[in-house]
Structures are given as C-alpha cells and as structure tokens.
Amino acid sequence: MKNKAVKAPRASKDNNHGILRDFFLGFIKIHTLHHAMKEDVYGLWLIEELNEHGYDLSPGTLYPILHKLEEDGLLTSYSEVVEGKVRKYYQTTPKGAHALERLREKIIELVKEVV
C-alpha cells in the first residue's frame, strides 16, 4: 500500500499549520541526512524519494533545506555534468553523521514513548 502524500502545511496566523510545518520540515531534514549518508543524493532524487515516504515537496521547499544543512556543515556538495546539465550532489559530513546518530537515539526514545 502506497503512502498518501502529505504536503508540509503552509504557515498561517490563524491556526497551528506553522507548527506542523516546522515538524514536517524537521522530518525532511532527518530523511535527507539519512539518505545522503547512504549514498550521494541530488535534489530531484530526494523529492522523488521523499514522495515515497509520503511527503509532497516542491523544489522551493527542498533546496533551501539542502542549502541550510550545507551551511551548517551537515552536508557537503559537489557538481557533475549529467546529460549536459550540471547536477549538484550532496553527502553527509562527519558532523552530519554524528548529528544523525544522536537524532536516531532520540527518535527511538520518542517512538517508544509516543507509539
């Protein structure tokens, strides 16, 4: 059974969508670090992969996340020409791997408590 795609809600002054959006963006960051640790990833691949996990992401949502993770030293990137176009690949850095390991511990603890 395929997951139903979930859009990260847009922020709104009248409800809790901004809070929910923050949670979804946090989950997306964790997924990104996880996948970039397993293999080098690029934006379109991540959008498609995260869609398999139920996230309906636009490039306008994902690319700022990738840039922030890189700026924070959790990802590094390099570019390659693929089929005549430049593709930017991302890899988890040692700092990102350490952060992901700490996050895994907290996720396990949270799941045991909440689920």
PDB file of N, CA and C in Angstrom:
ATOM      1  N   MET A   1       0.842  -1.182   0.000  1.00  0.00           N
ATOM      2  CA  MET A   1       0.000   0.000   0.000  1.00  0.00           C
ATOM      3  C   MET A   1       0.882   1.239   0.000  1.00  0.00           C
ATOM      4  N   LYS A   2       0.638   2.135  -0.909  1.00  0.00           N
ATOM      5  CA  LYS A   2       1.452   3.342  -1.034  1.00  0.00           C
ATOM      6  C   LYS A   2       1.007   4.391  -0.024  1.00  0.00           C
ATOM      7  N   ASN A   3       1.995   5.086   0.553  1.00  0.00           N
ATOM      8  CA  ASN A   3       1.687   6.175   1.483  1.00  0.00           C
ATOM      9  C   ASN A   3       0.975   7.296   0.757  1.00  0.00           C
ATOM     10  N   LYS A   4       0.022   7.909   1.443  1.00  0.00           N
ATOM     11  CA  LYS A   4      -0.633   9.091   0.895  1.00  0.00           C
ATOM     12  C   LYS A   4       0.308  10.275   1.084  1.00  0.00           C
ATOM     13  N   ALA A   5       0.518  11.038   0.024  1.00  0.00           N
ATOM     14  CA  ALA A   5       1.433  12.179   0.100  1.00  0.00           C
ATOM     15  C   ALA A   5       0.884  13.232   1.052  1.00  0.00           C
ATOM     16  N   VAL A   6       1.768  13.758   1.879  1.00  0.00           N
ATOM     17  CA  VAL A   6       1.407  14.793   2.843  1.00  0.00           C
ATOM     18  C   VAL A   6       2.201  16.038   2.515  1.00  0.00           C
ATOM     19  N   LYS A   7       1.500  17.117   2.229  1.00  0.00           N
ATOM     20  CA  LYS A   7       2.180  18.392   1.993  1.00  0.00           C
ATOM     21  C   LYS A   7       2.551  18.988   3.332  1.00  0.00           C
ATOM     22  N   ALA A   8       3.730  19.566   3.429  1.00  0.00           N
ATOM     23  CA  ALA A   8       4.074  20.326   4.629  1.00  0.00           C
ATOM     24  C   ALA A   8       3.163  21.545   4.636  1.00  0.00           C
ATOM     25  N   PRO A   9       2.319  21.694   5.677  1.00  0.00           N
ATOM     26  CA  PRO A   9       1.369  22.812   5.687  1.00  0.00           C
ATOM     27  C   PRO A   9       2.079  24.153   5.615  1.00  0.00           C
ATOM     28  N   ARG A  10       1.433  25.107   4.978  1.00  0.00           N
ATOM     29  CA  ARG A  10       1.969  26.468   4.923  1.00  0.00           C
ATOM     30  C   ARG A  10       1.665  27.167   6.239  1.00  0.00           C
ATOM     31  N   ALA A  11       2.544  28.077   6.619  1.00  0.00           N
ATOM     32  CA  ALA A  11       2.350  28.829   7.860  1.00  0.00           C
ATOM     33  C   ALA A  11       1.108  29.704   7.753  1.00  0.00           C
ATOM     34  N   SER A  12       0.383  29.809   8.850  1.00  0.00           N
ATOM     35  CA  SER A  12      -0.815  30.637   8.901  1.00  0.00           C
ATOM     36  C   SER A  12      -0.933  31.254  10.284  1.00  0.00           C
ATOM     37  N   LYS A  13      -1.391  32.483  10.340  1.00  0.00           N
ATOM     38  CA  LYS A  13      -1.546  33.167  11.621  1.00  0.00           C
ATOM     39  C   LYS A  13      -2.715  32.604  12.417  1.00  0.00           C
ATOM     40  N   ASP A  14      -3.700  32.015  11.741  1.00  0.00           N
ATOM     41  CA  ASP A  14      -4.951  31.632  12.369  1.00  0.00           C
ATOM     42  C   ASP A  14      -4.973  30.216  12.933  1.00  0.00           C
ATOM     43  N   ASN A  15      -3.947  29.409  12.686  1.00  0.00           N
ATOM     44  CA  ASN A  15      -4.006  28.025  13.147  1.00  0.00           C
ATOM     45  C   ASN A  15      -2.618  27.492  13.449  1.00  0.00           C
ATOM     46  N   ASN A  16      -2.546  26.200  13.659  1.00  0.00           N
ATOM     47  CA  ASN A  16      -1.278  25.570  14.030  1.00  0.00           C
ATOM     48  C   ASN A  16      -0.480  25.068  12.834  1.00  0.00           C
ATOM     49  N   HIS A  17      -0.853  25.458  11.617  1.00  0.00           N
ATOM     50  CA  HIS A  17      -0.138  24.954  10.441  1.00  0.00           C
ATOM     51  C   HIS A  17       1.348  25.299  10.473  1.00  0.00           C
ATOM     52  N   GLY A  18       1.703  26.453  10.997  1.00  0.00           N
ATOM     53  CA  GLY A  18       3.113  26.820  11.084  1.00  0.00           C
ATOM     54  C   GLY A  18       3.887  25.859  11.963  1.00  0.00           C
ATOM     55  N   ILE A  19       3.266  25.438  13.059  1.00  0.00           N
ATOM     56  CA  ILE A  19       3.902  24.479  13.964  1.00  0.00           C
ATOM     57  C   ILE A  19       4.035  23.127  13.273  1.00  0.00           C
ATOM     58  N   LEU A  20       2.963  22.671  12.621  1.00  0.00           N
ATOM     59  CA  LEU A  20       3.020  21.396  11.905  1.00  0.00           C
ATOM     60  C   LEU A  20       4.070  21.439  10.804  1.00  0.00           C
ATOM     61  N   ARG A  21       4.149  22.545  10.097  1.00  0.00           N
ATOM     62  CA  ARG A  21       5.143  22.696   9.033  1.00  0.00           C
ATOM     63  C   ARG A  21       6.553  22.553   9.595  1.00  0.00           C
ATOM     64  N   ASP A  22       6.797  23.145  10.757  1.00  0.00           N
ATOM     65  CA  ASP A  22       8.116  23.026  11.387  1.00  0.00           C
ATOM     66  C   ASP A  22       8.452  21.565  11.682  1.00  0.00           C
ATOM     67  N   PHE A  23       7.469  20.799  12.180  1.00  0.00           N
ATOM     68  CA  PHE A  23       7.705  19.374  12.446  1.00  0.00           C
ATOM     69  C   PHE A  23       8.021  18.631  11.152  1.00  0.00           C
ATOM     70  N   PHE A  24       7.198  18.843  10.110  1.00  0.00           N
ATOM     71  CA  PHE A  24       7.435  18.168   8.837  1.00  0.00           C
ATOM     72  C   PHE A  24       8.804  18.523   8.265  1.00  0.00           C
ATOM     73  N   LEU A  25       9.186  19.773   8.351  1.00  0.00           N
ATOM     74  CA  LEU A  25      10.499  20.180   7.836  1.00  0.00           C
ATOM     75  C   LEU A  25      11.616  19.505   8.615  1.00  0.00           C
ATOM     76  N   GLY A  26      11.422  19.319   9.913  1.00  0.00           N
ATOM     77  CA  GLY A  26      12.399  18.584  10.719  1.00  0.00           C
ATOM     78  C   GLY A  26      12.529  17.140  10.257  1.00  0.00           C
ATOM     79  N   PHE A  27      11.386  16.495   9.980  1.00  0.00           N
ATOM     80  CA  PHE A  27      11.419  15.116   9.482  1.00  0.00           C
ATOM     81  C   PHE A  27      12.148  15.046   8.145  1.00  0.00           C
ATOM     82  N   ILE A  28      11.900  16.022   7.288  1.00  0.00           N
ATOM     83  CA  ILE A  28      12.538  16.057   5.974  1.00  0.00           C
ATOM     84  C   ILE A  28      14.050  16.202   6.124  1.00  0.00           C
ATOM     85  N   LYS A  29      14.495  17.018   7.052  1.00  0.00           N
ATOM     86  CA  LYS A  29      15.937  17.174   7.296  1.00  0.00           C
ATOM     87  C   LYS A  29      16.555  15.850   7.728  1.00  0.00           C
ATOM     88  N   ILE A  30      15.872  15.126   8.611  1.00  0.00           N
ATOM     89  CA  ILE A  30      16.386  13.836   9.083  1.00  0.00           C
ATOM     90  C   ILE A  30      16.448  12.840   7.929  1.00  0.00           C
ATOM     91  N   HIS A  31      15.382  12.750   7.143  1.00  0.00           N
ATOM     92  CA  HIS A  31      15.392  11.864   5.966  1.00  0.00           C
ATOM     93  C   HIS A  31      16.548  12.229   5.037  1.00  0.00           C
ATOM     94  N   THR A  32      16.758  13.511   4.818  1.00  0.00           N
ATOM     95  CA  THR A  32      17.816  13.968   3.918  1.00  0.00           C
ATOM     96  C   THR A  32      19.184  13.531   4.423  1.00  0.00           C
ATOM     97  N   LEU A  33      19.466  13.755   5.695  1.00  0.00           N
ATOM     98  CA  LEU A  33      20.750  13.319   6.261  1.00  0.00           C
ATOM     99  C   LEU A  33      20.913  11.809   6.128  1.00  0.00           C
ATOM    100  N   HIS A  34      19.852  11.073   6.411  1.00  0.00           N
ATOM    101  CA  HIS A  34      19.895   9.610   6.331  1.00  0.00           C
ATOM    102  C   HIS A  34      20.249   9.148   4.912  1.00  0.00           C
ATOM    103  N   HIS A  35      19.526   9.665   3.929  1.00  0.00           N
ATOM    104  CA  HIS A  35      19.767   9.224   2.553  1.00  0.00           C
ATOM    105  C   HIS A  35      21.126   9.690   2.037  1.00  0.00           C
ATOM    106  N   ALA A  36      21.550  10.889   2.410  1.00  0.00           N
ATOM    107  CA  ALA A  36      22.846  11.406   1.962  1.00  0.00           C
ATOM    108  C   ALA A  36      24.002  10.687   2.643  1.00  0.00           C
ATOM    109  N   MET A  37      23.711   9.976   3.720  1.00  0.00           N
ATOM    110  CA  MET A  37      24.748   9.182   4.376  1.00  0.00           C
ATOM    111  C   MET A  37      24.904   7.835   3.660  1.00  0.00           C
ATOM    112  N   LYS A  38      23.805   7.315   3.123  1.00  0.00           N
ATOM    113  CA  LYS A  38      23.832   6.028   2.438  1.00  0.00           C
ATOM    114  C   LYS A  38      24.439   6.131   1.043  1.00  0.00           C
ATOM    115  N   GLU A  39      24.174   7.265   0.365  1.00  0.00           N
ATOM    116  CA  GLU A  39      24.679   7.467  -0.994  1.00  0.00           C
ATOM    117  C   GLU A  39      24.612   8.954  -1.321  1.00  0.00           C
ATOM    118  N   ASP A  40      25.365   9.367  -2.322  1.00  0.00           N
ATOM    119  CA  ASP A  40      25.297  10.761  -2.764  1.00  0.00           C
ATOM    120  C   ASP A  40      23.925  10.986  -3.396  1.00  0.00           C
ATOM    121  N   VAL A  41      23.290  12.094  -3.033  1.00  0.00           N
ATOM    122  CA  VAL A  41      21.925  12.370  -3.494  1.00  0.00           C
ATOM    123  C   VAL A  41      21.870  13.730  -4.169  1.00  0.00           C
ATOM    124  N   TYR A  42      20.848  13.938  -4.973  1.00  0.00           N
ATOM    125  CA  TYR A  42      20.617  15.242  -5.595  1.00  0.00           C
ATOM    126  C   TYR A  42      19.145  15.598  -5.417  1.00  0.00           C
ATOM    127  N   GLY A  43      18.821  16.859  -5.647  1.00  0.00           N
ATOM    128  CA  GLY A  43      17.512  17.391  -5.311  1.00  0.00           C
ATOM    129  C   GLY A  43      16.329  16.629  -5.871  1.00  0.00           C
ATOM    130  N   LEU A  44      16.290  16.414  -7.187  1.00  0.00           N
ATOM    131  CA  LEU A  44      15.143  15.735  -7.788  1.00  0.00           C
ATOM    132  C   LEU A  44      15.004  14.316  -7.248  1.00  0.00           C
ATOM    133  N   TRP A  45      16.118  13.624  -7.063  1.00  0.00           N
ATOM    134  CA  TRP A  45      16.065  12.274  -6.500  1.00  0.00           C
ATOM    135  C   TRP A  45      15.457  12.318  -5.099  1.00  0.00           C
ATOM    136  N   LEU A  46      15.884  13.289  -4.290  1.00  0.00           N
ATOM    137  CA  LEU A  46      15.341  13.409  -2.937  1.00  0.00           C
ATOM    138  C   LEU A  46      13.846  13.708  -2.955  1.00  0.00           C
ATOM    139  N   ILE A  47      13.410  14.586  -3.845  1.00  0.00           N
ATOM    140  CA  ILE A  47      11.979  14.891  -3.941  1.00  0.00           C
ATOM    141  C   ILE A  47      11.202  13.614  -4.239  1.00  0.00           C
ATOM    142  N   GLU A  48      11.686  12.817  -5.184  1.00  0.00           N
ATOM    143  CA  GLU A  48      11.010  11.565  -5.537  1.00  0.00           C
ATOM    144  C   GLU A  48      11.075  10.560  -4.390  1.00  0.00           C
ATOM    145  N   GLU A  49      12.211  10.444  -3.740  1.00  0.00           N
ATOM    146  CA  GLU A  49      12.370   9.509  -2.620  1.00  0.00           C
ATOM    147  C   GLU A  49      11.475   9.907  -1.455  1.00  0.00           C
ATOM    148  N   LEU A  50      11.466  11.181  -1.116  1.00  0.00           N
ATOM    149  CA  LEU A  50      10.635  11.642  -0.005  1.00  0.00           C
ATOM    150  C   LEU A  50       9.154  11.509  -0.344  1.00  0.00           C
ATOM    151  N   ASN A  51       8.807  11.593  -1.620  1.00  0.00           N
ATOM    152  CA  ASN A  51       7.429  11.348  -2.031  1.00  0.00           C
ATOM    153  C   ASN A  51       7.029   9.914  -1.702  1.00  0.00           C
ATOM    154  N   GLU A  52       7.975   8.976  -1.837  1.00  0.00           N
ATOM    155  CA  GLU A  52       7.713   7.579  -1.472  1.00  0.00           C
ATOM    156  C   GLU A  52       7.434   7.440   0.025  1.00  0.00           C
ATOM    157  N   HIS A  53       7.926   8.368   0.817  1.00  0.00           N
ATOM    158  CA  HIS A  53       7.687   8.367   2.268  1.00  0.00           C
ATOM    159  C   HIS A  53       6.459   9.204   2.632  1.00  0.00           C
ATOM    160  N   GLY A  54       5.761   9.702   1.625  1.00  0.00           N
ATOM    161  CA  GLY A  54       4.528  10.431   1.879  1.00  0.00           C
ATOM    162  C   GLY A  54       4.639  11.941   1.906  1.00  0.00           C
ATOM    163  N   TYR A  55       5.798  12.486   1.545  1.00  0.00           N
ATOM    164  CA  TYR A  55       5.974  13.939   1.530  1.00  0.00           C
ATOM    165  C   TYR A  55       5.795  14.466   0.114  1.00  0.00           C
ATOM    166  N   ASP A  56       5.008  15.509  -0.036  1.00  0.00           N
ATOM    167  CA  ASP A  56       4.794  16.151  -1.330  1.00  0.00           C
ATOM    168  C   ASP A  56       5.583  17.460  -1.318  1.00  0.00           C
ATOM    169  N   LEU A  57       6.833  17.390  -1.774  1.00  0.00           N
ATOM    170  CA  LEU A  57       7.740  18.538  -1.691  1.00  0.00           C
ATOM    171  C   LEU A  57       7.922  19.217  -3.034  1.00  0.00           C
ATOM    172  N   SER A  58       8.075  20.513  -2.975  1.00  0.00           N
ATOM    173  CA  SER A  58       8.444  21.276  -4.165  1.00  0.00           C
ATOM    174  C   SER A  58       9.933  21.596  -4.070  1.00  0.00           C
ATOM    175  N   PRO A  59      10.570  21.893  -5.195  1.00  0.00           N
ATOM    176  CA  PRO A  59      11.966  22.334  -5.137  1.00  0.00           C
ATOM    177  C   PRO A  59      12.135  23.566  -4.243  1.00  0.00           C
ATOM    178  N   GLY A  60      11.133  24.429  -4.210  1.00  0.00           N
ATOM    179  CA  GLY A  60      11.198  25.634  -3.386  1.00  0.00           C
ATOM    180  C   GLY A  60      11.196  25.357  -1.899  1.00  0.00           C
ATOM    181  N   THR A  61      10.773  24.157  -1.509  1.00  0.00           N
ATOM    182  CA  THR A  61      10.848  23.735  -0.107  1.00  0.00           C
ATOM    183  C   THR A  61      12.156  23.002   0.151  1.00  0.00           C
ATOM    184  N   LEU A  62      12.523  22.082  -0.745  1.00  0.00           N
ATOM    185  CA  LEU A  62      13.694  21.234  -0.503  1.00  0.00           C
ATOM    186  C   LEU A  62      15.021  21.973  -0.620  1.00  0.00           C
ATOM    187  N   TYR A  63      15.203  22.775  -1.666  1.00  0.00           N
ATOM    188  CA  TYR A  63      16.522  23.368  -1.886  1.00  0.00           C
ATOM    189  C   TYR A  63      16.976  24.296  -0.760  1.00  0.00           C
ATOM    190  N   PRO A  64      16.109  25.095  -0.170  1.00  0.00           N
ATOM    191  CA  PRO A  64      16.561  25.874   0.996  1.00  0.00           C
ATOM    192  C   PRO A  64      16.988  24.983   2.170  1.00  0.00           C
ATOM    193  N   ILE A  65      16.336  23.828   2.325  1.00  0.00           N
ATOM    194  CA  ILE A  65      16.736  22.878   3.373  1.00  0.00           C
ATOM    195  C   ILE A  65      18.133  22.353   3.077  1.00  0.00           C
ATOM    196  N   LEU A  66      18.376  21.948   1.835  1.00  0.00           N
ATOM    197  CA  LEU A  66      19.703  21.447   1.459  1.00  0.00           C
ATOM    198  C   LEU A  66      20.771  22.511   1.683  1.00  0.00           C
ATOM    199  N   HIS A  67      20.486  23.738   1.279  1.00  0.00           N
ATOM    200  CA  HIS A  67      21.463  24.821   1.437  1.00  0.00           C
ATOM    201  C   HIS A  67      21.740  25.100   2.908  1.00  0.00           C
ATOM    202  N   LYS A  68      20.711  25.052   3.746  1.00  0.00           N
ATOM    203  CA  LYS A  68      20.898  25.298   5.181  1.00  0.00           C
ATOM    204  C   LYS A  68      21.695  24.166   5.825  1.00  0.00           C
ATOM    205  N   LEU A  69      21.405  22.922   5.462  1.00  0.00           N
ATOM    206  CA  LEU A  69      22.166  21.792   6.003  1.00  0.00           C
ATOM    207  C   LEU A  69      23.633  21.890   5.588  1.00  0.00           C
ATOM    208  N   GLU A  70      23.872  22.349   4.361  1.00  0.00           N
ATOM    209  CA  GLU A  70      25.255  22.528   3.903  1.00  0.00           C
ATOM    210  C   GLU A  70      25.912  23.691   4.649  1.00  0.00           C
ATOM    211  N   GLU A  71      25.195  24.779   4.788  1.00  0.00           N
ATOM    212  CA  GLU A  71      25.718  25.949   5.509  1.00  0.00           C
ATOM    213  C   GLU A  71      26.073  25.594   6.955  1.00  0.00           C
ATOM    214  N   ASP A  72      25.277  24.708   7.557  1.00  0.00           N
ATOM    215  CA  ASP A  72      25.512  24.288   8.939  1.00  0.00           C
ATOM    216  C   ASP A  72      26.589  23.214   9.056  1.00  0.00           C
ATOM    217  N   GLY A  73      27.150  22.781   7.927  1.00  0.00           N
ATOM    218  CA  GLY A  73      28.227  21.800   7.949  1.00  0.00           C
ATOM    219  C   GLY A  73      27.762  20.363   8.081  1.00  0.00           C
ATOM    220  N   LEU A  74      26.469  20.105   7.878  1.00  0.00           N
ATOM    221  CA  LEU A  74      25.936  18.750   7.997  1.00  0.00           C
ATOM    222  C   LEU A  74      25.972  18.008   6.663  1.00  0.00           C
ATOM    223  N   LEU A  75      25.995  18.760   5.578  1.00  0.00           N
ATOM    224  CA  LEU A  75      26.131  18.209   4.230  1.00  0.00           C
ATOM    225  C   LEU A  75      27.268  18.926   3.522  1.00  0.00           C
ATOM    226  N   THR A  76      27.843  18.252   2.551  1.00  0.00           N
ATOM    227  CA  THR A  76      28.784  18.872   1.633  1.00  0.00           C
ATOM    228  C   THR A  76      28.281  18.558   0.226  1.00  0.00           C
ATOM    229  N   SER A  77      28.737  19.309  -0.755  1.00  0.00           N
ATOM    230  CA  SER A  77      28.227  19.081  -2.106  1.00  0.00           C
ATOM    231  C   SER A  77      29.347  19.151  -3.135  1.00  0.00           C
ATOM    232  N   TYR A  78      29.058  18.584  -4.282  1.00  0.00           N
ATOM    233  CA  TYR A  78      29.922  18.704  -5.451  1.00  0.00           C
ATOM    234  C   TYR A  78      29.018  18.658  -6.680  1.00  0.00           C
ATOM    235  N   SER A  79      29.508  19.166  -7.783  1.00  0.00           N
ATOM    236  CA  SER A  79      28.710  19.215  -9.011  1.00  0.00           C
ATOM    237  C   SER A  79      29.320  18.329 -10.081  1.00  0.00           C
ATOM    238  N   GLU A  80      28.446  17.729 -10.882  1.00  0.00           N
ATOM    239  CA  GLU A  80      28.853  16.926 -12.035  1.00  0.00           C
ATOM    240  C   GLU A  80      27.928  17.250 -13.193  1.00  0.00           C
ATOM    241  N   VAL A  81      28.448  17.133 -14.394  1.00  0.00           N
ATOM    242  CA  VAL A  81      27.616  17.309 -15.579  1.00  0.00           C
ATOM    243  C   VAL A  81      27.005  15.951 -15.920  1.00  0.00           C
ATOM    244  N   VAL A  82      25.674  15.919 -15.985  1.00  0.00           N
ATOM    245  CA  VAL A  82      24.935  14.700 -16.320  1.00  0.00           C
ATOM    246  C   VAL A  82      23.990  15.043 -17.467  1.00  0.00           C
ATOM    247  N   GLU A  83      24.160  14.350 -18.583  1.00  0.00           N
ATOM    248  CA  GLU A  83      23.343  14.590 -19.773  1.00  0.00           C
ATOM    249  C   GLU A  83      23.331  16.067 -20.158  1.00  0.00           C
ATOM    250  N   GLY A  84      24.495  16.701 -20.077  1.00  0.00           N
ATOM    251  CA  GLY A  84      24.652  18.090 -20.487  1.00  0.00           C
ATOM    252  C   GLY A  84      24.207  19.127 -19.472  1.00  0.00           C
ATOM    253  N   LYS A  85      23.740  18.681 -18.308  1.00  0.00           N
ATOM    254  CA  LYS A  85      23.289  19.617 -17.272  1.00  0.00           C
ATOM    255  C   LYS A  85      24.106  19.409 -16.005  1.00  0.00           C
ATOM    256  N   VAL A  86      24.324  20.498 -15.273  1.00  0.00           N
ATOM    257  CA  VAL A  86      25.063  20.410 -14.014  1.00  0.00           C
ATOM    258  C   VAL A  86      24.112  19.905 -12.936  1.00  0.00           C
ATOM    259  N   ARG A  87      24.527  18.845 -12.254  1.00  0.00           N
ATOM    260  CA  ARG A  87      23.747  18.277 -11.156  1.00  0.00           C
ATOM    261  C   ARG A  87      24.573  18.398  -9.881  1.00  0.00           C
ATOM    262  N   LYS A  88      23.965  18.918  -8.834  1.00  0.00           N
ATOM    263  CA  LYS A  88      24.639  19.093  -7.552  1.00  0.00           C
ATOM    264  C   LYS A  88      24.294  17.912  -6.645  1.00  0.00           C
ATOM    265  N   TYR A  89      25.334  17.203  -6.216  1.00  0.00           N
ATOM    266  CA  TYR A  89      25.174  16.056  -5.327  1.00  0.00           C
ATOM    267  C   TYR A  89      25.523  16.462  -3.898  1.00  0.00           C
ATOM    268  N   TYR A  90      24.859  15.821  -2.952  1.00  0.00           N
ATOM    269  CA  TYR A  90      25.082  16.099  -1.533  1.00  0.00           C
ATOM    270  C   TYR A  90      25.490  14.823  -0.818  1.00  0.00           C
ATOM    271  N   GLN A  91      26.405  14.991   0.155  1.00  0.00           N
ATOM    272  CA  GLN A  91      26.870  13.898   1.005  1.00  0.00           C
ATOM    273  C   GLN A  91      26.803  14.371   2.451  1.00  0.00           C
ATOM    274  N   THR A  92      26.534  13.438   3.352  1.00  0.00           N
ATOM    275  CA  THR A  92      26.564  13.762   4.775  1.00  0.00           C
ATOM    276  C   THR A  92      28.018  13.900   5.210  1.00  0.00           C
ATOM    277  N   THR A  93      28.321  14.934   5.964  1.00  0.00           N
ATOM    278  CA  THR A  93      29.663  15.149   6.512  1.00  0.00           C
ATOM    279  C   THR A  93      29.804  14.352   7.811  1.00  0.00           C
ATOM    280  N   PRO A  94      31.019  14.232   8.354  1.00  0.00           N
ATOM    281  CA  PRO A  94      31.165  13.601   9.670  1.00  0.00           C
ATOM    282  C   PRO A  94      30.300  14.292  10.736  1.00  0.00           C
ATOM    283  N   LYS A  95      30.215  15.610  10.678  1.00  0.00           N
ATOM    284  CA  LYS A  95      29.354  16.343  11.619  1.00  0.00           C
ATOM    285  C   LYS A  95      27.890  15.947  11.417  1.00  0.00           C
ATOM    286  N   GLY A  96      27.477  15.799  10.166  1.00  0.00           N
ATOM    287  CA  GLY A  96      26.111  15.382   9.861  1.00  0.00           C
ATOM    288  C   GLY A  96      25.835  13.957  10.315  1.00  0.00           C
ATOM    289  N   ALA A  97      26.822  13.068  10.138  1.00  0.00           N
ATOM    290  CA  ALA A  97      26.675  11.679  10.578  1.00  0.00           C
ATOM    291  C   ALA A  97      26.537  11.614  12.096  1.00  0.00           C
ATOM    292  N   HIS A  98      27.322  12.421  12.793  1.00  0.00           N
ATOM    293  CA  HIS A  98      27.235  12.469  14.259  1.00  0.00           C
ATOM    294  C   HIS A  98      25.864  12.990  14.691  1.00  0.00           C
ATOM    295  N   ALA A  99      25.397  14.035  14.031  1.00  0.00           N
ATOM    296  CA  ALA A  99      24.076  14.588  14.357  1.00  0.00           C
ATOM    297  C   ALA A  99      22.994  13.545  14.097  1.00  0.00           C
ATOM    298  N   LEU A 100      23.091  12.823  12.986  1.00  0.00           N
ATOM    299  CA  LEU A 100      22.101  11.803  12.652  1.00  0.00           C
ATOM    300  C   LEU A 100      22.094  10.687  13.691  1.00  0.00           C
ATOM    301  N   GLU A 101      23.254  10.279  14.149  1.00  0.00           N
ATOM    302  CA  GLU A 101      23.327   9.234  15.180  1.00  0.00           C
ATOM    303  C   GLU A 101      22.636   9.691  16.463  1.00  0.00           C
ATOM    304  N   ARG A 102      22.876  10.918  16.859  1.00  0.00           N
ATOM    305  CA  ARG A 102      22.214  11.459  18.057  1.00  0.00           C
ATOM    306  C   ARG A 102      20.711  11.563  17.840  1.00  0.00           C
ATOM    307  N   LEU A 103      20.308  11.966  16.649  1.00  0.00           N
ATOM    308  CA  LEU A 103      18.880  12.054  16.334  1.00  0.00           C
ATOM    309  C   LEU A 103      18.221  10.683  16.372  1.00  0.00           C
ATOM    310  N   ARG A 104      18.905   9.659  15.864  1.00  0.00           N
ATOM    311  CA  ARG A 104      18.349   8.300  15.886  1.00  0.00           C
ATOM    312  C   ARG A 104      18.032   7.873  17.312  1.00  0.00           C
ATOM    313  N   GLU A 105      18.952   8.154  18.228  1.00  0.00           N
ATOM    314  CA  GLU A 105      18.727   7.796  19.630  1.00  0.00           C
ATOM    315  C   GLU A 105      17.467   8.474  20.156  1.00  0.00           C
ATOM    316  N   LYS A 106      17.297   9.738  19.842  1.00  0.00           N
ATOM    317  CA  LYS A 106      16.130  10.490  20.310  1.00  0.00           C
ATOM    318  C   LYS A 106      14.851  10.015  19.624  1.00  0.00           C
ATOM    319  N   ILE A 107      14.951   9.658  18.349  1.00  0.00           N
ATOM    320  CA  ILE A 107      13.781   9.162  17.626  1.00  0.00           C
ATOM    321  C   ILE A 107      13.312   7.847  18.230  1.00  0.00           C
ATOM    322  N   ILE A 108      14.245   6.944  18.503  1.00  0.00           N
ATOM    323  CA  ILE A 108      13.896   5.654  19.113  1.00  0.00           C
ATOM    324  C   ILE A 108      13.212   5.883  20.453  1.00  0.00           C
ATOM    325  N   GLU A 109      13.778   6.760  21.254  1.00  0.00           N
ATOM    326  CA  GLU A 109      13.191   7.081  22.553  1.00  0.00           C
ATOM    327  C   GLU A 109      11.782   7.655  22.382  1.00  0.00           C
ATOM    328  N   LEU A 110      11.620   8.565  21.439  1.00  0.00           N
ATOM    329  CA  LEU A 110      10.323   9.200  21.203  1.00  0.00           C
ATOM    330  C   LEU A 110       9.284   8.191  20.720  1.00  0.00           C
ATOM    331  N   VAL A 111       9.670   7.331  19.780  1.00  0.00           N
ATOM    332  CA  VAL A 111       8.737   6.336  19.251  1.00  0.00           C
ATOM    333  C   VAL A 111       8.280   5.393  20.358  1.00  0.00           C
ATOM    334  N   LYS A 112       9.194   4.963  21.205  1.00  0.00           N
ATOM    335  CA  LYS A 112       8.825   4.078  22.317  1.00  0.00           C
ATOM    336  C   LYS A 112       7.805   4.748  23.231  1.00  0.00           C
ATOM    337  N   GLU A 113       7.937   6.037  23.398  1.00  0.00           N
ATOM    338  CA  GLU A 113       7.049   6.761  24.300  1.00  0.00           C
ATOM    339  C   GLU A 113       5.709   7.111  23.653  1.00  0.00           C
ATOM    340  N   VAL A 114       5.725   7.479  22.388  1.00  0.00           N
ATOM    341  CA  VAL A 114       4.525   8.006  21.738  1.00  0.00           C
ATOM    342  C   VAL A 114       3.681   6.913  21.076  1.00  0.00           C
ATOM    343  N   VAL A 115       4.322   5.923  20.477  1.00  0.00           N
ATOM    344  CA  VAL A 115       3.580   4.912  19.705  1.00  0.00           C
ATOM    345  C   VAL A 115       3.099   3.792  20.598  1.00  0.00           C
TER     346      VAL A 115
END
